[in-house]
Amino acid sequence: MRRQLGRSGLVLVLLAALPLLAACHTVQGAGQDITNTGQAIESGAQKATP
């Protein structure tokens, strides 16, 4: 059961990342998208920490 949830989670992450990766036409664009995503995650984590 746990393994099945892990695979489902991975599939969901890949599906969510697909539009971001499809929007990148260059390696530099991909790097910028990944940086922006990381900054958004970091910001959300800082807001959620008490």
PDB file of N, CA and C in Angstrom:
ATOM      1  N   MET A   1       0.825  -1.189   0.000  1.00  0.00           N
ATOM      2  CA  MET A   1       0.000   0.000   0.000  1.00  0.00           C
ATOM      3  C   MET A   1       0.870   1.255   0.000  1.00  0.00           C
ATOM      4  N   ARG A   2       1.871   1.254   0.854  1.00  0.00           N
ATOM      5  CA  ARG A   2       2.751   2.412   0.958  1.00  0.00           C
ATOM      6  C   ARG A   2       3.501   2.645  -0.349  1.00  0.00           C
ATOM      7  N   ARG A   3       3.939   1.568  -0.954  1.00  0.00           N
ATOM      8  CA  ARG A   3       4.674   1.668  -2.215  1.00  0.00           C
ATOM      9  C   ARG A   3       3.768   2.234  -3.318  1.00  0.00           C
ATOM     10  N   GLN A   4       2.516   1.844  -3.290  1.00  0.00           N
ATOM     11  CA  GLN A   4       1.556   2.312  -4.274  1.00  0.00           C
ATOM     12  C   GLN A   4       1.336   3.825  -4.123  1.00  0.00           C
ATOM     13  N   LEU A   5       1.250   4.313  -2.902  1.00  0.00           N
ATOM     14  CA  LEU A   5       1.087   5.744  -2.667  1.00  0.00           C
ATOM     15  C   LEU A   5       2.309   6.518  -3.134  1.00  0.00           C
ATOM     16  N   GLY A   6       3.482   5.950  -2.948  1.00  0.00           N
ATOM     17  CA  GLY A   6       4.707   6.599  -3.398  1.00  0.00           C
ATOM     18  C   GLY A   6       4.740   6.752  -4.910  1.00  0.00           C
ATOM     19  N   ARG A   7       4.335   5.736  -5.589  1.00  0.00           N
ATOM     20  CA  ARG A   7       4.302   5.796  -7.051  1.00  0.00           C
ATOM     21  C   ARG A   7       3.251   6.795  -7.524  1.00  0.00           C
ATOM     22  N   SER A   8       2.103   6.797  -6.873  1.00  0.00           N
ATOM     23  CA  SER A   8       1.050   7.745  -7.238  1.00  0.00           C
ATOM     24  C   SER A   8       1.518   9.171  -7.014  1.00  0.00           C
ATOM     25  N   GLY A   9       2.209   9.392  -5.915  1.00  0.00           N
ATOM     26  CA  GLY A   9       2.740  10.721  -5.623  1.00  0.00           C
ATOM     27  C   GLY A   9       3.752  11.153  -6.663  1.00  0.00           C
ATOM     28  N   LEU A  10       4.602  10.242  -7.066  1.00  0.00           N
ATOM     29  CA  LEU A  10       5.598  10.553  -8.092  1.00  0.00           C
ATOM     30  C   LEU A  10       4.925  10.911  -9.412  1.00  0.00           C
ATOM     31  N   VAL A  11       3.906  10.160  -9.769  1.00  0.00           N
ATOM     32  CA  VAL A  11       3.179  10.443 -11.008  1.00  0.00           C
ATOM     33  C   VAL A  11       2.530  11.824 -10.932  1.00  0.00           C
ATOM     34  N   LEU A  12       1.946  12.156  -9.794  1.00  0.00           N
ATOM     35  CA  LEU A  12       1.314  13.471  -9.635  1.00  0.00           C
ATOM     36  C   LEU A  12       2.333  14.600  -9.743  1.00  0.00           C
ATOM     37  N   VAL A  13       3.496  14.423  -9.149  1.00  0.00           N
ATOM     38  CA  VAL A  13       4.548  15.439  -9.229  1.00  0.00           C
ATOM     39  C   VAL A  13       5.013  15.613 -10.672  1.00  0.00           C
ATOM     40  N   LEU A  14       5.208  14.522 -11.362  1.00  0.00           N
ATOM     41  CA  LEU A  14       5.641  14.601 -12.765  1.00  0.00           C
ATOM     42  C   LEU A  14       4.584  15.265 -13.638  1.00  0.00           C
ATOM     43  N   LEU A  15       3.316  14.954 -13.400  1.00  0.00           N
ATOM     44  CA  LEU A  15       2.248  15.586 -14.170  1.00  0.00           C
ATOM     45  C   LEU A  15       2.153  17.078 -13.866  1.00  0.00           C
ATOM     46  N   ALA A  16       2.385  17.446 -12.612  1.00  0.00           N
ATOM     47  CA  ALA A  16       2.350  18.857 -12.245  1.00  0.00           C
ATOM     48  C   ALA A  16       3.528  19.612 -12.849  1.00  0.00           C
ATOM     49  N   ALA A  17       4.672  18.965 -12.976  1.00  0.00           N
ATOM     50  CA  ALA A  17       5.864  19.615 -13.516  1.00  0.00           C
ATOM     51  C   ALA A  17       5.856  19.684 -15.040  1.00  0.00           C
ATOM     52  N   LEU A  18       5.048  18.878 -15.677  1.00  0.00           N
ATOM     53  CA  LEU A  18       5.038  18.820 -17.138  1.00  0.00           C
ATOM     54  C   LEU A  18       4.783  20.176 -17.795  1.00  0.00           C
ATOM     55  N   PRO A  19       3.786  20.959 -17.376  1.00  0.00           N
ATOM     56  CA  PRO A  19       3.581  22.259 -18.020  1.00  0.00           C
ATOM     57  C   PRO A  19       4.769  23.201 -17.838  1.00  0.00           C
ATOM     58  N   LEU A  20       5.399  23.138 -16.685  1.00  0.00           N
ATOM     59  CA  LEU A  20       6.567  23.990 -16.450  1.00  0.00           C
ATOM     60  C   LEU A  20       7.713  23.607 -17.378  1.00  0.00           C
ATOM     61  N   LEU A  21       7.932  22.319 -17.529  1.00  0.00           N
ATOM     62  CA  LEU A  21       9.019  21.863 -18.378  1.00  0.00           C
ATOM     63  C   LEU A  21       8.705  22.079 -19.856  1.00  0.00           C
ATOM     64  N   ALA A  22       7.443  21.963 -20.220  1.00  0.00           N
ATOM     65  CA  ALA A  22       7.058  22.165 -21.616  1.00  0.00           C
ATOM     66  C   ALA A  22       7.195  23.635 -22.012  1.00  0.00           C
ATOM     67  N   ALA A  23       7.085  24.545 -21.039  1.00  0.00           N
ATOM     68  CA  ALA A  23       7.179  25.971 -21.328  1.00  0.00           C
ATOM     69  C   ALA A  23       8.624  26.404 -21.562  1.00  0.00           C
ATOM     70  N   CYS A  24       9.573  25.595 -21.182  1.00  0.00           N
ATOM     71  CA  CYS A  24      10.986  25.945 -21.325  1.00  0.00           C
ATOM     72  C   CYS A  24      11.482  25.541 -22.708  1.00  0.00           C
ATOM     73  N   HIS A  25      12.076  26.493 -23.403  1.00  0.00           N
ATOM     74  CA  HIS A  25      12.603  26.186 -24.725  1.00  0.00           C
ATOM     75  C   HIS A  25      14.125  26.104 -24.713  1.00  0.00           C
ATOM     76  N   THR A  26      14.725  26.512 -23.604  1.00  0.00           N
ATOM     77  CA  THR A  26      16.182  26.454 -23.507  1.00  0.00           C
ATOM     78  C   THR A  26      16.566  25.927 -22.131  1.00  0.00           C
ATOM     79  N   VAL A  27      17.805  25.550 -21.987  1.00  0.00           N
ATOM     80  CA  VAL A  27      18.307  25.091 -20.694  1.00  0.00           C
ATOM     81  C   VAL A  27      18.272  26.237 -19.695  1.00  0.00           C
ATOM     82  N   GLN A  28      18.575  27.444 -20.154  1.00  0.00           N
ATOM     83  CA  GLN A  28      18.541  28.606 -19.267  1.00  0.00           C
ATOM     84  C   GLN A  28      17.115  28.832 -18.763  1.00  0.00           C
ATOM     85  N   GLY A  29      16.143  28.701 -19.632  1.00  0.00           N
ATOM     86  CA  GLY A  29      14.744  28.862 -19.231  1.00  0.00           C
ATOM     87  C   GLY A  29      14.334  27.810 -18.214  1.00  0.00           C
ATOM     88  N   ALA A  30      14.800  26.590 -18.411  1.00  0.00           N
ATOM     89  CA  ALA A  30      14.500  25.519 -17.455  1.00  0.00           C
ATOM     90  C   ALA A  30      15.109  25.833 -16.103  1.00  0.00           C
ATOM     91  N   GLY A  31      16.335  26.333 -16.108  1.00  0.00           N
ATOM     92  CA  GLY A  31      16.991  26.702 -14.848  1.00  0.00           C
ATOM     93  C   GLY A  31      16.239  27.800 -14.125  1.00  0.00           C
ATOM     94  N   GLN A  32      15.737  28.775 -14.861  1.00  0.00           N
ATOM     95  CA  GLN A  32      14.970  29.866 -14.244  1.00  0.00           C
ATOM     96  C   GLN A  32      13.665  29.332 -13.665  1.00  0.00           C
ATOM     97  N   ASP A  33      12.996  28.447 -14.384  1.00  0.00           N
ATOM     98  CA  ASP A  33      11.749  27.869 -13.880  1.00  0.00           C
ATOM     99  C   ASP A  33      11.990  27.073 -12.607  1.00  0.00           C
ATOM    100  N   ILE A  34      13.054  26.294 -12.584  1.00  0.00           N
ATOM    101  CA  ILE A  34      13.370  25.491 -11.403  1.00  0.00           C
ATOM    102  C   ILE A  34      13.720  26.400 -10.225  1.00  0.00           C
ATOM    103  N   THR A  35      14.460  27.471 -10.483  1.00  0.00           N
ATOM    104  CA  THR A  35      14.809  28.420  -9.432  1.00  0.00           C
ATOM    105  C   THR A  35      13.562  29.083  -8.865  1.00  0.00           C
ATOM    106  N   ASN A  36      12.671  29.519  -9.737  1.00  0.00           N
ATOM    107  CA  ASN A  36      11.436  30.157  -9.281  1.00  0.00           C
ATOM    108  C   ASN A  36      10.573  29.204  -8.466  1.00  0.00           C
ATOM    109  N   THR A  37      10.497  27.958  -8.906  1.00  0.00           N
ATOM    110  CA  THR A  37       9.724  26.967  -8.168  1.00  0.00           C
ATOM    111  C   THR A  37      10.334  26.727  -6.793  1.00  0.00           C
ATOM    112  N   GLY A  38      11.653  26.610  -6.733  1.00  0.00           N
ATOM    113  CA  GLY A  38      12.332  26.422  -5.446  1.00  0.00           C
ATOM    114  C   GLY A  38      12.122  27.591  -4.507  1.00  0.00           C
ATOM    115  N   GLN A  39      12.143  28.803  -5.031  1.00  0.00           N
ATOM    116  CA  GLN A  39      11.923  29.984  -4.200  1.00  0.00           C
ATOM    117  C   GLN A  39      10.489  30.014  -3.671  1.00  0.00           C
ATOM    118  N   ALA A  40       9.533  29.624  -4.495  1.00  0.00           N
ATOM    119  CA  ALA A  40       8.139  29.587  -4.051  1.00  0.00           C
ATOM    120  C   ALA A  40       7.947  28.550  -2.951  1.00  0.00           C
ATOM    121  N   ILE A  41       8.574  27.394  -3.088  1.00  0.00           N
ATOM    122  CA  ILE A  41       8.477  26.351  -2.066  1.00  0.00           C
ATOM    123  C   ILE A  41       9.130  26.826  -0.774  1.00  0.00           C
ATOM    124  N   GLU A  42      10.294  27.455  -0.884  1.00  0.00           N
ATOM    125  CA  GLU A  42      10.993  27.946   0.301  1.00  0.00           C
ATOM    126  C   GLU A  42      10.169  29.016   1.012  1.00  0.00           C
ATOM    127  N   SER A  43       9.570  29.901   0.254  1.00  0.00           N
ATOM    128  CA  SER A  43       8.743  30.954   0.840  1.00  0.00           C
ATOM    129  C   SER A  43       7.543  30.357   1.575  1.00  0.00           C
ATOM    130  N   GLY A  44       6.903  29.378   0.951  1.00  0.00           N
ATOM    131  CA  GLY A  44       5.770  28.728   1.596  1.00  0.00           C
ATOM    132  C   GLY A  44       6.177  28.003   2.865  1.00  0.00           C
ATOM    133  N   ALA A  45       7.335  27.384   2.849  1.00  0.00           N
ATOM    134  CA  ALA A  45       7.810  26.667   4.038  1.00  0.00           C
ATOM    135  C   ALA A  45       8.117  27.648   5.169  1.00  0.00           C
ATOM    136  N   GLN A  46       8.685  28.802   4.840  1.00  0.00           N
ATOM    137  CA  GLN A  46       8.984  29.796   5.868  1.00  0.00           C
ATOM    138  C   GLN A  46       7.702  30.361   6.479  1.00  0.00           C
ATOM    139  N   LYS A  47       6.686  30.549   5.665  1.00  0.00           N
ATOM    140  CA  LYS A  47       5.406  31.069   6.172  1.00  0.00           C
ATOM    141  C   LYS A  47       4.718  30.050   7.072  1.00  0.00           C
ATOM    142  N   ALA A  48       4.913  28.775   6.763  1.00  0.00           N
ATOM    143  CA  ALA A  48       4.238  27.706   7.516  1.00  0.00           C
ATOM    144  C   ALA A  48       4.953  27.373   8.819  1.00  0.00           C
ATOM    145  N   THR A  49       6.197  27.817   8.988  1.00  0.00           N
ATOM    146  CA  THR A  49       6.937  27.503  10.212  1.00  0.00           C
ATOM    147  C   THR A  49       6.548  28.492  11.312  1.00  0.00           C
ATOM    148  N   PRO A  50       6.251  27.975  12.461  1.00  0.00           N
ATOM    149  CA  PRO A  50       5.849  28.883  13.570  1.00  0.00           C
ATOM    150  C   PRO A  50       6.999  29.689  14.128  1.00  0.00           C
TER     151      PRO A  50
END
